[in-house]
C-alpha atoms as a PDB file:
ATOM      1  CA  MET A   1     -95.082-146.981-269.099  1.00  0.00           C
ATOM      2  CA  SER A   2     -91.692-145.471-268.344  1.00  0.00           C
ATOM      3  CA  SER A   3     -90.789-143.419-265.291  1.00  0.00           C
ATOM      4  CA  THR A   4     -90.102-139.703-265.405  1.00  0.00           C
ATOM      5  CA  VAL A   5     -89.584-136.724-263.097  1.00  0.00           C
ATOM      6  CA  VAL A   6     -92.088-133.852-263.000  1.00  0.00           C
ATOM      7  CA  PRO A   7     -91.252-130.951-260.666  1.00  0.00           C
ATOM      8  CA  CYS A   8     -94.185-129.444-258.734  1.00  0.00           C
ATOM      9  CA  LEU A   9     -94.301-125.829-257.557  1.00  0.00           C
ATOM     10  CA  ARG A  10     -96.791-123.773-255.579  1.00  0.00           C
ATOM     11  CA  TYR A  11     -97.323-120.036-255.933  1.00  0.00           C
ATOM     12  CA  ARG A  12     -99.325-117.319-254.183  1.00  0.00           C
ATOM     13  CA  ASP A  13    -100.560-116.107-257.606  1.00  0.00           C
ATOM     14  CA  ALA A  14    -100.284-119.227-259.751  1.00  0.00           C
ATOM     15  CA  SER A  15    -102.363-117.729-262.578  1.00  0.00           C
ATOM     16  CA  ALA A  16     -99.910-114.856-263.072  1.00  0.00           C
ATOM     17  CA  VAL A  17     -96.867-117.140-262.877  1.00  0.00           C
ATOM     18  CA  ILE A  18     -98.386-119.576-265.394  1.00  0.00           C
ATOM     19  CA  GLU A  19     -98.750-116.690-267.854  1.00  0.00           C
ATOM     20  CA  TRP A  20     -95.143-115.600-267.182  1.00  0.00           C
ATOM     21  CA  LEU A  21     -93.771-119.129-267.649  1.00  0.00           C
ATOM     22  CA  CYS A  22     -95.633-119.474-270.942  1.00  0.00           C
ATOM     23  CA  SER A  23     -94.783-116.007-272.277  1.00  0.00           C
ATOM     24  CA  HIS A  24     -91.133-115.866-271.275  1.00  0.00           C
ATOM     25  CA  LEU A  25     -89.800-119.412-270.839  1.00  0.00           C
ATOM     26  CA  GLY A  26     -91.882-120.990-273.591  1.00  0.00           C
ATOM     27  CA  PHE A  27     -94.119-123.357-271.633  1.00  0.00           C
ATOM     28  CA  GLU A  28     -97.536-124.338-272.979  1.00  0.00           C
ATOM     29  CA  LYS A  29    -100.644-124.957-270.902  1.00  0.00           C
ATOM     30  CA  ARG A  30    -101.620-128.623-271.082  1.00  0.00           C
ATOM     31  CA  LEU A  31    -104.196-128.605-268.288  1.00  0.00           C
ATOM     32  CA  VAL A  32    -105.404-125.923-265.868  1.00  0.00           C
ATOM     33  CA  ILE A  33    -107.944-126.857-263.185  1.00  0.00           C
ATOM     34  CA  PRO A  34    -109.353-124.041-261.068  1.00  0.00           C
ATOM     35  CA  ALA A  35    -109.845-124.487-257.333  1.00  0.00           C
ATOM     36  CA  LYS A  36    -113.215-123.746-255.712  1.00  0.00           C
ATOM     37  CA  ASP A  37    -111.992-120.283-254.657  1.00  0.00           C
ATOM     38  CA  GLY A  38    -110.951-119.369-258.226  1.00  0.00           C
ATOM     39  CA  SER A  39    -107.221-119.907-257.694  1.00  0.00           C
ATOM     40  CA  ILE A  40    -105.322-122.715-259.457  1.00  0.00           C
ATOM     41  CA  GLY A  41    -105.976-126.170-258.024  1.00  0.00           C
ATOM     42  CA  HIS A  42    -103.669-127.934-260.485  1.00  0.00           C
ATOM     43  CA  ALA A  43    -101.926-127.016-263.723  1.00  0.00           C
ATOM     44  CA  GLU A  44     -99.678-128.942-266.083  1.00  0.00           C
ATOM     45  CA  LEU A  45     -97.304-126.945-268.261  1.00  0.00           C
ATOM     46  CA  THR A  46     -95.225-128.596-270.971  1.00  0.00           C
ATOM     47  CA  LEU A  47     -91.984-127.632-272.648  1.00  0.00           C
ATOM     48  CA  GLY A  48     -90.899-130.112-275.302  1.00  0.00           C
ATOM     49  CA  ASP A  49     -90.898-133.517-273.611  1.00  0.00           C
ATOM     50  CA  GLY A  50     -90.765-131.940-270.139  1.00  0.00           C
ATOM     51  CA  MET A  51     -93.470-130.856-267.752  1.00  0.00           C
ATOM     52  CA  VAL A  52     -93.931-128.961-264.503  1.00  0.00           C
ATOM     53  CA  MET A  53     -97.042-129.041-262.366  1.00  0.00           C
ATOM     54  CA  VAL A  54     -98.075-125.766-260.768  1.00  0.00           C
ATOM     55  CA  GLY A  55    -100.721-124.871-258.231  1.00  0.00           C
ATOM     56  CA  SER A  56    -101.745-122.129-255.862  1.00  0.00           C
ATOM     57  CA  ALA A  57    -100.254-122.165-252.374  1.00  0.00           C
ATOM     58  CA  PHE A  58    -102.813-123.580-249.954  1.00  0.00           C
ATOM     59  CA  ASP A  59    -102.600-124.119-246.209  1.00  0.00           C
ATOM     60  CA  ASP A  60    -103.452-127.809-246.512  1.00  0.00           C
ATOM     61  CA  ALA A  61    -101.509-130.922-245.478  1.00  0.00           C
ATOM     62  CA  TYR A  62     -99.334-130.862-248.614  1.00  0.00           C
ATOM     63  CA  GLY A  63     -98.947-127.084-248.512  1.00  0.00           C
ATOM     64  CA  GLN A  64     -97.566-127.303-244.989  1.00  0.00           C
ATOM     65  CA  LEU A  65     -94.621-129.298-246.394  1.00  0.00           C
ATOM     66  CA  LEU A  66     -93.655-126.392-248.693  1.00  0.00           C
ATOM     67  CA  THR A  67     -92.707-122.769-248.432  1.00  0.00           C
ATOM     68  CA  THR A  68     -92.298-119.940-250.903  1.00  0.00           C
ATOM     69  CA  PRO A  69     -88.938-118.306-251.689  1.00  0.00           C
ATOM     70  CA  ASP A  70     -90.013-114.998-250.117  1.00  0.00           C
ATOM     71  CA  SER A  71     -90.357-116.711-246.725  1.00  0.00           C
ATOM     72  CA  THR A  72     -86.753-117.995-246.880  1.00  0.00           C
ATOM     73  CA  GLY A  73     -85.104-114.780-247.971  1.00  0.00           C
ATOM     74  CA  GLY A  74     -84.976-116.129-251.517  1.00  0.00           C
ATOM     75  CA  LEU A  75     -82.927-119.218-250.681  1.00  0.00           C
ATOM     76  CA  GLN A  76     -83.686-122.339-252.707  1.00  0.00           C
ATOM     77  CA  THR A  77     -83.338-126.018-251.920  1.00  0.00           C
ATOM     78  CA  GLN A  78     -83.633-126.899-255.617  1.00  0.00           C
ATOM     79  CA  THR A  79     -83.749-125.323-259.031  1.00  0.00           C
ATOM     80  CA  ILE A  80     -85.127-126.507-262.337  1.00  0.00           C
ATOM     81  CA  TRP A  81     -82.999-126.882-265.477  1.00  0.00           C
ATOM     82  CA  ILE A  82     -84.661-126.104-268.808  1.00  0.00           C
ATOM     83  CA  ARG A  83     -82.866-127.178-271.976  1.00  0.00           C
ATOM     84  CA  VAL A  84     -83.630-124.885-274.892  1.00  0.00           C
ATOM     85  CA  PRO A  85     -82.221-124.676-278.439  1.00  0.00           C
ATOM     86  CA  ASP A  86     -81.310-120.954-278.124  1.00  0.00           C
ATOM     87  CA  ALA A  87     -80.598-119.680-274.606  1.00  0.00           C
ATOM     88  CA  ASP A  88     -79.744-116.170-275.833  1.00  0.00           C
ATOM     89  CA  THR A  89     -83.236-115.685-277.294  1.00  0.00           C
ATOM     90  CA  VAL A  90     -84.917-116.891-274.090  1.00  0.00           C
ATOM     91  CA  PHE A  91     -82.558-114.708-272.032  1.00  0.00           C
ATOM     92  CA  ALA A  92     -83.639-111.634-274.026  1.00  0.00           C
ATOM     93  CA  ARG A  93     -87.345-112.419-273.386  1.00  0.00           C
ATOM     94  CA  VAL A  94     -86.726-112.932-269.670  1.00  0.00           C
ATOM     95  CA  VAL A  95     -84.732-109.699-269.360  1.00  0.00           C
ATOM     96  CA  GLU A  96     -87.510-107.854-271.211  1.00  0.00           C
ATOM     97  CA  SER A  97     -90.028-109.211-268.688  1.00  0.00           C
ATOM     98  CA  GLY A  98     -88.122-107.488-265.884  1.00  0.00           C
ATOM     99  CA  ALA A  99     -87.292-110.757-264.120  1.00  0.00           C
ATOM    100  CA  SER A 100     -84.393-110.880-261.693  1.00  0.00           C
ATOM    101  CA  ILE A 101     -81.343-112.377-263.399  1.00  0.00           C
ATOM    102  CA  VAL A 102     -79.261-114.258-260.820  1.00  0.00           C
ATOM    103  CA  GLN A 103     -76.651-115.526-263.295  1.00  0.00           C
ATOM    104  CA  THR A 104     -76.206-113.705-266.573  1.00  0.00           C
ATOM    105  CA  ILE A 105     -75.932-115.645-269.798  1.00  0.00           C
ATOM    106  CA  ASP A 106     -72.508-117.095-270.458  1.00  0.00           C
ATOM    107  CA  ASP A 107     -70.700-120.165-271.736  1.00  0.00           C
ATOM    108  CA  VAL A 108     -70.804-122.946-269.120  1.00  0.00           C
ATOM    109  CA  ALA A 109     -68.249-125.595-268.176  1.00  0.00           C
ATOM    110  CA  GLN A 110     -70.412-128.551-269.205  1.00  0.00           C
ATOM    111  CA  GLY A 111     -70.939-127.009-272.638  1.00  0.00           C
ATOM    112  CA  GLY A 112     -73.339-124.582-274.233  1.00  0.00           C
ATOM    113  CA  ARG A 113     -74.718-121.323-272.870  1.00  0.00           C
ATOM    114  CA  ALA A 114     -76.888-120.782-269.817  1.00  0.00           C
ATOM    115  CA  PHE A 115     -78.359-118.270-267.405  1.00  0.00           C
ATOM    116  CA  ALA A 116     -80.461-118.337-264.247  1.00  0.00           C
ATOM    117  CA  CYS A 117     -83.400-116.138-263.296  1.00  0.00           C
ATOM    118  CA  ARG A 118     -86.103-115.836-260.691  1.00  0.00           C
ATOM    119  CA  ASP A 119     -89.736-116.140-261.716  1.00  0.00           C
ATOM    120  CA  PRO A 120     -92.162-113.488-260.419  1.00  0.00           C
ATOM    121  CA  GLU A 121     -92.414-115.221-257.018  1.00  0.00           C
ATOM    122  CA  GLY A 122     -88.718-115.969-256.589  1.00  0.00           C
ATOM    123  CA  HIS A 123     -88.235-119.574-257.728  1.00  0.00           C
ATOM    124  CA  VAL A 124     -84.899-119.982-259.546  1.00  0.00           C
ATOM    125  CA  TRP A 125     -84.932-121.400-263.080  1.00  0.00           C
ATOM    126  CA  GLN A 126     -81.744-122.347-264.941  1.00  0.00           C
ATOM    127  CA  VAL A 127     -82.028-122.118-268.725  1.00  0.00           C
ATOM    128  CA  GLY A 128     -79.429-123.320-271.182  1.00  0.00           C
ATOM    129  CA  THR A 129     -78.478-125.306-274.235  1.00  0.00           C
ATOM    130  CA  TYR A 130     -76.617-128.115-272.432  1.00  0.00           C
ATOM    131  CA  ASP A 131     -78.341-131.494-272.910  1.00  0.00           C
ATOM    132  CA  PRO A 132     -77.332-133.852-270.084  1.00  0.00           C
ATOM    133  CA  TRP A 133     -78.828-136.859-271.912  1.00  0.00           C
ATOM    134  CA  ALA A 134     -76.738-136.290-275.034  1.00  0.00           C
ATOM    135  CA  ALA A 135     -73.621-135.452-273.023  1.00  0.00           C
ATOM    136  CA  SER A 136     -73.707-138.644-270.927  1.00  0.00           C
ATOM    137  CA  ALA A 137     -74.178-140.746-274.062  1.00  0.00           C
ATOM    138  CA  GLN A 138     -71.159-139.097-275.695  1.00  0.00           C
ATOM    139  CA  ASP A 139     -68.742-139.285-272.755  1.00  0.00           C
ATOM    140  CA  GLU A 140     -69.182-142.434-270.706  1.00  0.00           C
ATOM    141  CA  SER A 141     -65.721-141.903-269.177  1.00  0.00           C
ATOM    142  CA  VAL A 142     -67.247-139.579-266.550  1.00  0.00           C
ATOM    143  CA  LEU A 143     -69.619-142.244-265.212  1.00  0.00           C
ATOM    144  CA  PRO A 144     -68.825-143.678-261.763  1.00  0.00           C
END
């Protein structure tokens, strides 16, 4: 088994955000487990070879380690990069959804096109065509 990174996010209304992520960013539901109170206990959403895990915000031991963007004035300590084949098409879907665009679509220094938006609860998602795996394989001169 190889290692991988899977970001985990909590939301006040995880069900609504799961639908938004699937409809507008292209994720697919792999697994959704309801909590006893009807909220989302655990969900796995896939996009190509990538995955995020999503759950409802709970005031439990793990939940006390996290906060939501609305409680920090929208500031983030991390964002998630999504590589897509056509960033302009995804951008159009996200704009149509009414999401807040924090960086409009444009050509980016590392190559390709990208934009950044906030999901319905304020988490920032970066979406673009740049593939860091392909880029590092092509240009090993930038490695330390």
